[in-house]
């Protein structure tokens, strides 16, 4: 019997990463791919047993509601259509100069066996609308604590997320300080810290992979 699939579409890329991390840690789901939409946000496609996907969808909806993030989470049991119907090919958008579709297991070397493993560090996400704002957030973050800037994720429409890495205390201090600087230069969309992120979540972050 073919595995079931679930589609989780969220109106914030950074919130989507946080929610996916929580869903993975709570159930035995596996990420098929992530596809940016024009929300700007992301649609994450998951596979696994029907029970695990239903549990993950419920957890996603609950957490998204608490974060006040628009969400659609839908499970299809044993889909009749082939995977080509819902899996997008790798796509690169020259306007934002990055991939809009990513496959974790192919792009990062993360195997199904270690998808549920967790990193020993924390990551921080600061999402803004306005490039100047995120550059100020980056500068403030690295001056505040011992953190490393891993990547920037551009979503279109001026939305951009910076990803930083370090121990939990350092990342929290950097995210707090960086996000506080955004208000005068742009709009803060979201700011989050994920302690010990799963490898599958790391593999969806640009330039991070399974580090």
N, C-alpha and C. Protein backbone atom coordinates (compact mmCIF):
# COMPACT_ATOMS: atom_id res chain seq x y z
N UNK A 1 0.85 -1.19 0.00
CA UNK A 1 0.00 0.00 0.00
C UNK A 1 0.89 1.24 0.00
N UNK A 2 0.55 2.22 -0.85
CA UNK A 2 1.34 3.43 -0.92
C UNK A 2 1.12 4.28 0.33
N UNK A 3 2.15 5.04 0.67
CA UNK A 3 2.04 5.90 1.84
C UNK A 3 1.15 7.09 1.54
N UNK A 4 0.59 7.64 2.59
CA UNK A 4 -0.25 8.82 2.46
C UNK A 4 0.64 10.05 2.33
N UNK A 5 0.03 11.16 1.91
CA UNK A 5 0.77 12.41 1.79
C UNK A 5 -0.01 13.52 2.48
N UNK A 6 0.70 14.55 2.88
CA UNK A 6 0.07 15.72 3.49
C UNK A 6 0.70 16.97 2.90
N UNK A 7 -0.12 17.99 2.77
CA UNK A 7 0.34 19.28 2.27
C UNK A 7 0.12 20.32 3.36
N UNK A 8 1.19 20.98 3.74
CA UNK A 8 1.13 22.01 4.78
C UNK A 8 1.56 23.32 4.15
N UNK A 9 0.62 24.24 3.99
CA UNK A 9 0.91 25.51 3.34
C UNK A 9 0.74 26.63 4.36
N UNK A 10 1.80 27.41 4.53
CA UNK A 10 1.80 28.45 5.55
C UNK A 10 2.15 29.80 4.94
N UNK A 11 1.63 30.85 5.57
CA UNK A 11 1.84 32.20 5.05
C UNK A 11 3.12 32.86 5.50
N UNK A 12 4.01 32.12 6.11
CA UNK A 12 5.31 32.66 6.53
C UNK A 12 6.35 31.56 6.41
N UNK A 13 7.45 31.85 5.70
CA UNK A 13 8.49 30.84 5.51
C UNK A 13 9.15 30.47 6.83
N UNK A 14 9.52 31.46 7.62
CA UNK A 14 10.21 31.16 8.88
C UNK A 14 9.30 30.43 9.85
N UNK A 15 8.04 30.83 9.92
CA UNK A 15 7.09 30.11 10.78
C UNK A 15 6.89 28.68 10.28
N UNK A 16 6.92 28.52 8.96
CA UNK A 16 6.79 27.18 8.39
C UNK A 16 7.91 26.26 8.84
N UNK A 17 9.14 26.79 8.91
CA UNK A 17 10.27 26.00 9.36
C UNK A 17 10.10 25.60 10.83
N UNK A 18 9.65 26.54 11.65
CA UNK A 18 9.45 26.25 13.08
C UNK A 18 8.37 25.19 13.26
N UNK A 19 7.27 25.34 12.55
CA UNK A 19 6.15 24.41 12.66
C UNK A 19 6.52 23.03 12.13
N UNK A 20 7.28 22.99 11.03
CA UNK A 20 7.72 21.71 10.50
C UNK A 20 8.63 20.99 11.48
N UNK A 21 9.52 21.72 12.13
CA UNK A 21 10.41 21.12 13.12
C UNK A 21 9.60 20.46 14.23
N UNK A 22 8.57 21.17 14.72
CA UNK A 22 7.73 20.62 15.78
C UNK A 22 6.96 19.39 15.30
N UNK A 23 6.47 19.44 14.07
CA UNK A 23 5.71 18.31 13.53
C UNK A 23 6.59 17.07 13.37
N UNK A 24 7.81 17.26 12.90
CA UNK A 24 8.73 16.13 12.71
C UNK A 24 9.10 15.49 14.04
N UNK A 25 9.30 16.32 15.05
CA UNK A 25 9.69 15.79 16.34
C UNK A 25 8.54 15.07 17.04
N UNK A 26 7.30 15.36 16.61
CA UNK A 26 6.13 14.78 17.26
C UNK A 26 5.61 13.53 16.55
N UNK A 27 6.08 13.28 15.35
CA UNK A 27 5.55 12.15 14.59
C UNK A 27 6.59 11.59 13.63
N UNK A 28 6.24 10.50 12.95
CA UNK A 28 7.19 9.83 12.06
C UNK A 28 7.05 10.24 10.61
N UNK A 29 6.78 11.52 10.35
CA UNK A 29 6.61 11.96 8.97
C UNK A 29 7.96 12.24 8.33
N UNK A 30 7.98 12.27 7.00
CA UNK A 30 9.19 12.56 6.23
C UNK A 30 8.89 13.65 5.22
N UNK A 31 9.82 14.56 5.05
CA UNK A 31 9.65 15.66 4.10
C UNK A 31 9.94 15.18 2.68
N UNK A 32 9.00 15.42 1.77
CA UNK A 32 9.23 15.14 0.36
C UNK A 32 9.93 16.31 -0.32
N UNK A 33 9.37 17.49 -0.13
CA UNK A 33 9.95 18.69 -0.71
C UNK A 33 9.27 19.91 -0.12
N UNK A 34 9.89 21.05 -0.35
CA UNK A 34 9.30 22.33 0.05
C UNK A 34 9.25 23.22 -1.19
N UNK A 35 8.12 23.89 -1.37
CA UNK A 35 7.93 24.73 -2.55
C UNK A 35 7.45 26.12 -2.11
N UNK A 36 8.22 27.15 -2.46
CA UNK A 36 7.83 28.50 -2.12
C UNK A 36 6.58 28.88 -2.90
N UNK A 37 5.69 29.64 -2.24
CA UNK A 37 4.53 30.16 -2.95
C UNK A 37 4.62 31.67 -3.03
N UNK A 38 3.57 32.32 -3.46
CA UNK A 38 3.60 33.77 -3.61
C UNK A 38 2.94 34.47 -2.43
N UNK A 39 2.81 33.77 -1.29
CA UNK A 39 2.10 34.24 -0.11
C UNK A 39 2.58 35.52 0.54
N UNK A 40 3.89 35.74 0.84
CA UNK A 40 4.95 34.79 0.54
C UNK A 40 5.06 33.77 1.68
N UNK A 41 5.15 32.54 1.33
CA UNK A 41 5.23 31.48 2.32
C UNK A 41 5.77 30.23 1.68
N UNK A 42 5.34 29.08 2.19
CA UNK A 42 5.89 27.83 1.72
C UNK A 42 4.85 26.72 1.82
N UNK A 43 4.89 25.79 0.88
CA UNK A 43 4.09 24.57 0.96
C UNK A 43 5.05 23.41 1.17
N UNK A 44 4.95 22.77 2.33
CA UNK A 44 5.80 21.62 2.63
C UNK A 44 4.98 20.35 2.39
N UNK A 45 5.55 19.42 1.64
CA UNK A 45 4.87 18.18 1.30
C UNK A 45 5.50 17.04 2.10
N UNK A 46 4.66 16.31 2.80
CA UNK A 46 5.11 15.27 3.72
C UNK A 46 4.56 13.92 3.31
N UNK A 47 5.25 12.87 3.74
CA UNK A 47 4.75 11.52 3.53
C UNK A 47 4.94 10.71 4.80
N UNK A 48 4.19 9.61 4.91
CA UNK A 48 4.26 8.77 6.10
C UNK A 48 2.98 8.00 6.24
N UNK A 49 2.79 7.37 7.38
CA UNK A 49 1.55 6.63 7.62
C UNK A 49 0.40 7.62 7.79
N UNK A 50 -0.81 7.16 7.54
CA UNK A 50 -1.98 8.02 7.67
C UNK A 50 -2.09 8.58 9.09
N UNK A 51 -1.86 7.72 10.08
CA UNK A 51 -1.98 8.15 11.48
C UNK A 51 -0.95 9.22 11.82
N UNK A 52 0.30 9.02 11.37
CA UNK A 52 1.35 10.00 11.65
C UNK A 52 1.05 11.34 10.97
N UNK A 53 0.59 11.29 9.73
CA UNK A 53 0.30 12.52 9.00
C UNK A 53 -0.88 13.28 9.62
N UNK A 54 -1.89 12.55 10.05
CA UNK A 54 -3.03 13.20 10.70
C UNK A 54 -2.61 13.85 12.01
N UNK A 55 -1.72 13.17 12.75
CA UNK A 55 -1.21 13.75 14.00
C UNK A 55 -0.38 14.99 13.70
N UNK A 56 0.45 14.91 12.66
CA UNK A 56 1.28 16.06 12.29
C UNK A 56 0.42 17.23 11.84
N UNK A 57 -0.62 16.96 11.05
CA UNK A 57 -1.50 18.03 10.56
C UNK A 57 -2.21 18.71 11.73
N UNK A 58 -2.65 17.93 12.70
CA UNK A 58 -3.31 18.50 13.87
C UNK A 58 -2.34 19.38 14.66
N UNK A 59 -1.09 18.90 14.81
CA UNK A 59 -0.09 19.68 15.54
C UNK A 59 0.24 20.97 14.81
N UNK A 60 0.32 20.88 13.49
CA UNK A 60 0.62 22.06 12.67
C UNK A 60 -0.47 23.11 12.82
N UNK A 61 -1.73 22.69 12.72
CA UNK A 61 -2.84 23.64 12.83
C UNK A 61 -2.87 24.31 14.20
N UNK A 62 -2.62 23.54 15.25
CA UNK A 62 -2.64 24.07 16.60
C UNK A 62 -1.53 25.10 16.80
N UNK A 63 -0.32 24.78 16.35
CA UNK A 63 0.81 25.69 16.52
C UNK A 63 0.66 26.92 15.64
N UNK A 64 0.17 26.73 14.42
CA UNK A 64 -0.03 27.87 13.53
C UNK A 64 -1.05 28.84 14.11
N UNK A 65 -2.09 28.30 14.72
CA UNK A 65 -3.11 29.14 15.35
C UNK A 65 -2.49 29.97 16.48
N UNK A 66 -1.64 29.34 17.29
CA UNK A 66 -0.98 30.05 18.38
C UNK A 66 -0.04 31.13 17.86
N UNK A 67 0.56 30.89 16.68
CA UNK A 67 1.49 31.86 16.09
C UNK A 67 0.78 32.87 15.20
N UNK A 68 -0.55 32.73 15.05
CA UNK A 68 -1.35 33.64 14.21
C UNK A 68 -0.84 33.65 12.78
N UNK A 69 -0.55 32.46 12.26
CA UNK A 69 -0.05 32.32 10.89
C UNK A 69 -1.11 31.60 10.05
N UNK A 70 -1.46 32.14 8.88
CA UNK A 70 -2.40 31.43 7.99
C UNK A 70 -1.87 30.05 7.62
N UNK A 71 -2.71 29.03 7.69
CA UNK A 71 -2.26 27.67 7.42
C UNK A 71 -3.35 26.86 6.74
N UNK A 72 -2.94 26.01 5.82
CA UNK A 72 -3.78 24.96 5.27
C UNK A 72 -3.02 23.66 5.43
N UNK A 73 -3.60 22.70 6.13
CA UNK A 73 -2.96 21.39 6.32
C UNK A 73 -3.96 20.32 5.91
N UNK A 74 -3.60 19.55 4.89
CA UNK A 74 -4.54 18.58 4.33
C UNK A 74 -3.83 17.25 4.09
N UNK A 75 -4.49 16.15 4.47
CA UNK A 75 -3.93 14.81 4.32
C UNK A 75 -4.71 14.05 3.26
N UNK A 76 -3.99 13.37 2.37
CA UNK A 76 -4.61 12.51 1.36
C UNK A 76 -4.14 11.08 1.63
N UNK A 77 -5.09 10.21 1.93
CA UNK A 77 -4.75 8.81 2.22
C UNK A 77 -4.52 8.05 0.92
N UNK A 78 -3.35 7.41 0.82
CA UNK A 78 -3.02 6.58 -0.35
C UNK A 78 -3.42 7.25 -1.65
N UNK A 79 -2.76 8.35 -2.04
CA UNK A 79 -3.17 9.10 -3.23
C UNK A 79 -3.22 8.25 -4.49
N UNK A 80 -4.26 8.48 -5.29
CA UNK A 80 -4.42 7.72 -6.52
C UNK A 80 -3.55 8.23 -7.64
N UNK A 81 -3.25 9.52 -7.63
CA UNK A 81 -2.42 10.11 -8.67
C UNK A 81 -0.96 9.79 -8.43
N UNK A 82 -0.17 9.79 -9.48
CA UNK A 82 1.26 9.54 -9.34
C UNK A 82 1.93 10.73 -8.66
N UNK A 83 3.14 10.52 -8.17
CA UNK A 83 3.86 11.58 -7.47
C UNK A 83 4.12 12.78 -8.38
N UNK A 84 4.17 12.54 -9.67
CA UNK A 84 4.41 13.65 -10.60
C UNK A 84 3.29 14.68 -10.54
N UNK A 85 2.12 14.28 -10.04
CA UNK A 85 0.99 15.21 -9.97
C UNK A 85 1.15 16.24 -8.86
N UNK A 86 1.90 15.89 -7.81
CA UNK A 86 2.03 16.83 -6.70
C UNK A 86 3.46 17.16 -6.32
N UNK A 87 4.44 16.51 -6.92
CA UNK A 87 5.83 16.85 -6.67
C UNK A 87 6.34 17.71 -7.81
N UNK A 88 6.82 18.90 -7.48
CA UNK A 88 7.33 19.82 -8.50
C UNK A 88 8.79 19.51 -8.81
N UNK A 89 9.22 19.74 -10.05
CA UNK A 89 10.64 19.57 -10.38
C UNK A 89 11.46 20.68 -9.73
N UNK A 90 12.75 20.45 -9.62
CA UNK A 90 13.64 21.48 -9.09
C UNK A 90 13.50 22.74 -9.94
N UNK A 91 13.35 23.88 -9.27
CA UNK A 91 13.11 25.12 -10.00
C UNK A 91 13.95 26.24 -9.41
N UNK A 92 14.55 27.05 -10.29
CA UNK A 92 15.36 28.19 -9.86
C UNK A 92 14.72 29.46 -10.36
N UNK A 93 14.50 30.40 -9.46
CA UNK A 93 13.90 31.67 -9.81
C UNK A 93 14.99 32.73 -9.93
N UNK A 94 15.27 33.22 -11.14
CA UNK A 94 16.35 34.21 -11.30
C UNK A 94 16.05 35.55 -10.65
N UNK A 95 14.77 35.85 -10.41
CA UNK A 95 14.42 37.13 -9.80
C UNK A 95 14.87 37.21 -8.35
N UNK A 96 14.76 36.08 -7.63
CA UNK A 96 15.21 36.07 -6.23
C UNK A 96 16.53 35.31 -6.09
N UNK A 97 17.06 34.82 -7.21
CA UNK A 97 18.39 34.20 -7.27
C UNK A 97 18.54 33.01 -6.33
N UNK A 98 17.53 32.16 -6.31
CA UNK A 98 17.62 30.94 -5.50
C UNK A 98 16.54 29.95 -5.92
N UNK A 99 16.68 28.74 -5.43
CA UNK A 99 15.71 27.70 -5.76
C UNK A 99 14.38 27.99 -5.08
N UNK A 100 13.28 27.68 -5.77
CA UNK A 100 11.95 27.81 -5.18
C UNK A 100 11.36 26.45 -4.82
N UNK A 101 12.01 25.39 -5.26
CA UNK A 101 11.62 24.03 -4.90
C UNK A 101 12.86 23.30 -4.42
N UNK A 102 12.78 22.65 -3.27
CA UNK A 102 13.94 21.93 -2.74
C UNK A 102 13.54 20.54 -2.28
N UNK A 103 14.45 19.61 -2.50
CA UNK A 103 14.29 18.22 -2.06
C UNK A 103 15.33 17.97 -0.97
N UNK A 104 14.92 17.81 0.28
CA UNK A 104 15.88 17.66 1.37
C UNK A 104 16.87 16.52 1.19
N UNK A 105 16.37 15.32 0.87
CA UNK A 105 17.25 14.16 0.80
C UNK A 105 18.22 14.24 -0.36
N UNK A 106 17.84 14.92 -1.43
CA UNK A 106 18.72 15.01 -2.59
C UNK A 106 19.68 16.18 -2.49
N UNK A 107 19.22 17.29 -1.94
CA UNK A 107 20.03 18.49 -1.93
C UNK A 107 21.02 18.55 -0.77
N UNK A 108 20.76 17.78 0.28
CA UNK A 108 21.60 17.92 1.47
C UNK A 108 22.33 16.65 1.86
N UNK A 109 22.00 15.53 1.25
CA UNK A 109 22.63 14.28 1.64
C UNK A 109 22.03 13.69 2.90
N UNK A 110 20.89 14.20 3.34
CA UNK A 110 20.24 13.64 4.52
C UNK A 110 19.47 12.40 4.12
N UNK A 111 19.79 11.28 4.72
CA UNK A 111 19.12 10.04 4.38
C UNK A 111 17.85 9.87 5.20
N UNK A 112 16.98 8.96 4.75
CA UNK A 112 15.76 8.69 5.52
C UNK A 112 16.10 8.17 6.91
N UNK A 113 17.21 7.46 7.01
CA UNK A 113 17.58 6.88 8.30
C UNK A 113 17.86 7.94 9.35
N UNK A 114 18.54 9.05 8.94
CA UNK A 114 18.90 10.04 9.95
C UNK A 114 18.06 11.30 9.87
N UNK A 115 16.91 11.25 9.16
CA UNK A 115 16.05 12.42 9.04
C UNK A 115 15.59 12.91 10.42
N UNK A 116 15.38 11.99 11.36
CA UNK A 116 14.85 12.38 12.66
C UNK A 116 15.94 12.79 13.65
N UNK A 117 17.22 12.66 13.24
CA UNK A 117 18.30 13.08 14.12
C UNK A 117 18.23 14.59 14.34
N UNK A 118 18.74 15.03 15.49
CA UNK A 118 18.71 16.45 15.80
C UNK A 118 20.12 17.00 15.94
N UNK A 119 20.28 18.26 15.57
CA UNK A 119 21.57 18.91 15.66
C UNK A 119 21.88 19.25 17.11
N UNK A 120 23.14 19.52 17.39
CA UNK A 120 23.56 19.85 18.75
C UNK A 120 23.56 21.36 19.00
N UNK A 121 23.14 22.14 18.02
CA UNK A 121 23.13 23.60 18.16
C UNK A 121 21.72 24.14 17.94
N UNK A 122 21.59 25.44 18.05
CA UNK A 122 20.30 26.10 17.81
C UNK A 122 20.40 26.94 16.54
N UNK A 123 19.26 27.20 15.93
CA UNK A 123 19.23 28.14 14.82
C UNK A 123 18.21 29.24 15.15
N UNK A 124 18.48 30.42 14.63
CA UNK A 124 17.57 31.54 14.80
C UNK A 124 17.11 32.04 13.45
N UNK A 125 15.87 32.48 13.37
CA UNK A 125 15.27 32.98 12.14
C UNK A 125 14.70 34.36 12.39
N UNK A 126 15.12 35.34 11.60
CA UNK A 126 14.53 36.68 11.65
C UNK A 126 14.01 37.00 10.26
N UNK A 127 12.69 37.11 10.15
CA UNK A 127 12.06 37.37 8.86
C UNK A 127 11.53 38.80 8.83
N UNK A 128 11.88 39.55 7.79
CA UNK A 128 11.44 40.93 7.67
C UNK A 128 10.84 41.19 6.30
N UNK A 129 10.14 42.31 6.20
CA UNK A 129 9.77 42.84 4.90
C UNK A 129 10.58 44.11 4.74
N UNK A 130 11.61 44.03 3.94
CA UNK A 130 12.55 45.13 3.79
C UNK A 130 13.97 44.62 3.93
N UNK A 131 14.78 44.80 2.88
CA UNK A 131 16.14 44.29 2.89
C UNK A 131 17.02 45.06 3.87
N UNK A 132 16.88 46.38 3.93
CA UNK A 132 17.70 47.15 4.86
C UNK A 132 17.47 46.68 6.29
N UNK A 133 16.22 46.38 6.61
CA UNK A 133 15.89 45.92 7.96
C UNK A 133 16.61 44.63 8.29
N UNK A 134 16.64 43.69 7.36
CA UNK A 134 17.29 42.41 7.67
C UNK A 134 18.80 42.57 7.74
N UNK A 135 19.38 43.49 6.96
CA UNK A 135 20.82 43.71 7.06
C UNK A 135 21.18 44.29 8.42
N UNK A 136 20.34 45.20 8.94
CA UNK A 136 20.54 45.74 10.29
C UNK A 136 20.38 44.63 11.33
N UNK A 137 19.40 43.75 11.12
CA UNK A 137 19.20 42.64 12.05
C UNK A 137 20.42 41.73 12.08
N UNK A 138 21.00 41.46 10.92
CA UNK A 138 22.20 40.61 10.84
C UNK A 138 23.35 41.26 11.60
N UNK A 139 23.58 42.53 11.31
CA UNK A 139 24.69 43.25 11.95
C UNK A 139 24.54 43.28 13.47
N UNK A 140 23.33 43.57 13.92
CA UNK A 140 23.08 43.61 15.36
C UNK A 140 23.24 42.24 16.00
N UNK A 141 22.76 41.21 15.32
CA UNK A 141 22.84 39.85 15.86
C UNK A 141 24.28 39.41 16.09
N UNK A 142 25.14 39.62 15.09
CA UNK A 142 26.51 39.14 15.23
C UNK A 142 27.33 39.98 16.20
N UNK A 143 26.92 41.24 16.43
CA UNK A 143 27.60 42.08 17.40
C UNK A 143 27.13 41.80 18.83
N UNK A 144 25.95 41.18 18.95
CA UNK A 144 25.37 40.93 20.27
C UNK A 144 25.87 39.64 20.90
N UNK A 145 26.04 38.61 20.08
CA UNK A 145 26.39 37.29 20.62
C UNK A 145 27.26 36.52 19.63
N UNK A 146 27.84 35.44 20.12
CA UNK A 146 28.72 34.61 19.29
C UNK A 146 27.87 33.69 18.42
N UNK A 147 27.41 34.22 17.29
CA UNK A 147 26.58 33.46 16.36
C UNK A 147 27.18 33.55 14.96
N UNK A 148 26.80 32.59 14.14
CA UNK A 148 27.26 32.53 12.75
C UNK A 148 26.07 32.71 11.82
N UNK A 149 26.23 33.57 10.83
CA UNK A 149 25.18 33.74 9.83
C UNK A 149 25.32 32.63 8.79
N UNK A 150 24.27 31.82 8.67
CA UNK A 150 24.32 30.68 7.76
C UNK A 150 23.78 31.01 6.38
N UNK A 151 22.70 31.78 6.32
CA UNK A 151 22.06 31.98 5.02
C UNK A 151 21.06 33.11 5.08
N UNK A 152 20.65 33.56 3.89
CA UNK A 152 19.52 34.47 3.74
C UNK A 152 18.56 33.84 2.74
N UNK A 153 17.29 33.84 3.06
CA UNK A 153 16.26 33.27 2.19
C UNK A 153 15.38 34.39 1.67
N UNK A 154 15.42 34.62 0.35
CA UNK A 154 14.58 35.65 -0.27
C UNK A 154 13.30 35.02 -0.77
N UNK A 155 12.17 35.71 -0.52
CA UNK A 155 10.87 35.15 -0.84
C UNK A 155 10.11 35.95 -1.89
N UNK A 156 10.64 37.10 -2.28
CA UNK A 156 9.91 37.98 -3.17
C UNK A 156 9.09 38.98 -2.38
N UNK A 157 8.71 40.07 -3.02
CA UNK A 157 7.91 41.08 -2.35
C UNK A 157 8.62 41.78 -1.21
N UNK A 158 9.95 41.72 -1.22
CA UNK A 158 10.72 42.35 -0.15
C UNK A 158 10.84 41.53 1.10
N UNK A 159 10.27 40.32 1.11
CA UNK A 159 10.35 39.44 2.29
C UNK A 159 11.67 38.68 2.25
N UNK A 160 12.34 38.65 3.39
CA UNK A 160 13.64 37.98 3.46
C UNK A 160 13.86 37.47 4.89
N UNK A 161 14.50 36.32 5.01
CA UNK A 161 14.79 35.73 6.32
C UNK A 161 16.28 35.49 6.45
N UNK A 162 16.85 35.87 7.58
CA UNK A 162 18.23 35.54 7.88
C UNK A 162 18.24 34.36 8.85
N UNK A 163 19.18 33.43 8.63
CA UNK A 163 19.31 32.24 9.47
C UNK A 163 20.65 32.29 10.18
N UNK A 164 20.64 32.19 11.51
CA UNK A 164 21.88 32.21 12.28
C UNK A 164 22.01 30.94 13.11
N UNK A 165 23.23 30.66 13.54
CA UNK A 165 23.52 29.42 14.26
C UNK A 165 24.39 29.71 15.47
N UNK A 166 24.20 28.94 16.55
CA UNK A 166 25.03 29.05 17.74
C UNK A 166 24.41 28.25 18.86
N UNK A 167 24.90 28.46 20.09
CA UNK A 167 24.23 27.77 21.20
C UNK A 167 22.92 28.50 21.50
N UNK A 168 22.05 27.86 22.27
CA UNK A 168 20.70 28.38 22.47
C UNK A 168 20.71 29.79 23.05
N UNK A 169 21.51 30.01 24.08
CA UNK A 169 21.54 31.32 24.74
C UNK A 169 22.01 32.41 23.79
N UNK A 170 23.07 32.11 23.03
CA UNK A 170 23.61 33.10 22.10
C UNK A 170 22.62 33.42 20.99
N UNK A 171 21.99 32.39 20.44
CA UNK A 171 21.03 32.60 19.36
C UNK A 171 19.83 33.39 19.87
N UNK A 172 19.35 33.07 21.07
CA UNK A 172 18.21 33.80 21.62
C UNK A 172 18.55 35.28 21.81
N UNK A 173 19.74 35.55 22.35
CA UNK A 173 20.15 36.94 22.56
C UNK A 173 20.29 37.67 21.23
N UNK A 174 20.86 37.00 20.23
CA UNK A 174 21.05 37.61 18.92
C UNK A 174 19.72 37.89 18.23
N UNK A 175 18.79 36.94 18.31
CA UNK A 175 17.48 37.11 17.69
C UNK A 175 16.71 38.23 18.37
N UNK A 176 16.75 38.28 19.69
CA UNK A 176 16.06 39.34 20.44
C UNK A 176 16.59 40.71 20.05
N UNK A 177 17.92 40.84 20.02
CA UNK A 177 18.53 42.13 19.71
C UNK A 177 18.30 42.51 18.25
N UNK A 178 18.47 41.55 17.35
CA UNK A 178 18.31 41.83 15.92
C UNK A 178 16.89 42.22 15.56
N UNK A 179 15.92 41.49 16.09
CA UNK A 179 14.53 41.77 15.75
C UNK A 179 14.08 43.11 16.33
N UNK A 180 14.67 43.51 17.46
CA UNK A 180 14.31 44.79 18.07
C UNK A 180 14.74 45.97 17.22
N UNK A 181 15.73 45.77 16.35
CA UNK A 181 16.26 46.85 15.51
C UNK A 181 15.46 47.04 14.22
N UNK A 182 14.59 46.11 13.92
CA UNK A 182 13.93 46.10 12.62
C UNK A 182 12.87 47.19 12.48
N UNK A 183 12.16 47.50 13.53
CA UNK A 183 10.96 48.34 13.46
C UNK A 183 11.18 49.67 12.75
N UNK A 184 12.32 50.31 12.96
CA UNK A 184 12.54 51.63 12.38
C UNK A 184 12.95 51.58 10.92
N UNK A 185 13.26 50.39 10.41
CA UNK A 185 13.77 50.28 9.04
C UNK A 185 12.90 49.43 8.13
N UNK A 186 11.97 48.70 8.68
CA UNK A 186 11.13 47.81 7.89
C UNK A 186 10.08 47.19 8.78
N UNK A 187 9.59 46.04 8.38
CA UNK A 187 8.53 45.36 9.13
C UNK A 187 9.02 43.99 9.58
N UNK A 188 8.92 43.73 10.88
CA UNK A 188 9.28 42.41 11.40
C UNK A 188 8.11 41.47 11.17
N UNK A 189 8.37 40.39 10.44
CA UNK A 189 7.34 39.39 10.16
C UNK A 189 7.34 38.31 11.23
N UNK A 190 8.53 37.83 11.57
CA UNK A 190 8.62 36.76 12.56
C UNK A 190 10.05 36.66 13.07
N UNK A 191 10.21 36.16 14.29
CA UNK A 191 11.53 35.90 14.88
C UNK A 191 11.42 34.67 15.76
N UNK A 192 12.26 33.67 15.50
CA UNK A 192 12.13 32.40 16.21
C UNK A 192 13.50 31.80 16.51
N UNK A 193 13.54 30.99 17.53
CA UNK A 193 14.71 30.19 17.87
C UNK A 193 14.29 28.73 17.92
N UNK A 194 15.04 27.86 17.25
CA UNK A 194 14.79 26.42 17.29
C UNK A 194 15.99 25.75 17.94
N UNK A 195 15.80 25.17 19.10
CA UNK A 195 16.86 24.44 19.77
C UNK A 195 16.94 23.03 19.19
N UNK A 196 18.13 22.59 18.87
CA UNK A 196 18.37 21.24 18.34
C UNK A 196 17.42 20.92 17.17
N UNK A 197 17.50 21.68 16.08
CA UNK A 197 16.64 21.42 14.93
C UNK A 197 16.91 20.06 14.30
N UNK A 198 15.86 19.47 13.76
CA UNK A 198 16.02 18.17 13.10
C UNK A 198 16.82 18.34 11.82
N UNK A 199 17.47 17.26 11.39
CA UNK A 199 18.28 17.31 10.18
C UNK A 199 17.44 17.59 8.94
N UNK A 200 16.22 17.09 8.91
CA UNK A 200 15.35 17.34 7.76
C UNK A 200 15.01 18.82 7.65
N UNK A 201 14.78 19.47 8.79
CA UNK A 201 14.53 20.91 8.78
C UNK A 201 15.78 21.66 8.33
N UNK A 202 16.94 21.27 8.84
CA UNK A 202 18.18 21.91 8.41
C UNK A 202 18.38 21.79 6.91
N UNK A 203 17.97 20.67 6.35
CA UNK A 203 18.19 20.44 4.93
C UNK A 203 17.33 21.34 4.06
N UNK A 204 16.29 21.96 4.64
CA UNK A 204 15.46 22.89 3.87
C UNK A 204 15.98 24.31 3.95
N UNK A 205 16.95 24.55 4.81
CA UNK A 205 17.48 25.90 4.96
C UNK A 205 18.58 26.12 3.93
N UNK A 206 18.52 27.22 3.19
CA UNK A 206 19.51 27.47 2.13
C UNK A 206 20.93 27.58 2.68
N UNK A 207 21.84 26.81 2.08
CA UNK A 207 23.23 26.89 2.48
C UNK A 207 23.58 26.19 3.76
N UNK A 208 22.60 25.51 4.39
CA UNK A 208 22.87 24.88 5.68
C UNK A 208 23.13 23.39 5.50
N UNK A 209 22.17 22.69 4.90
CA UNK A 209 22.33 21.26 4.71
C UNK A 209 22.36 20.54 6.04
N UNK A 210 22.93 19.34 6.05
CA UNK A 210 22.97 18.51 7.25
C UNK A 210 24.22 18.75 8.04
N UNK A 211 24.39 19.96 8.52
CA UNK A 211 25.61 20.30 9.26
C UNK A 211 25.45 19.91 10.73
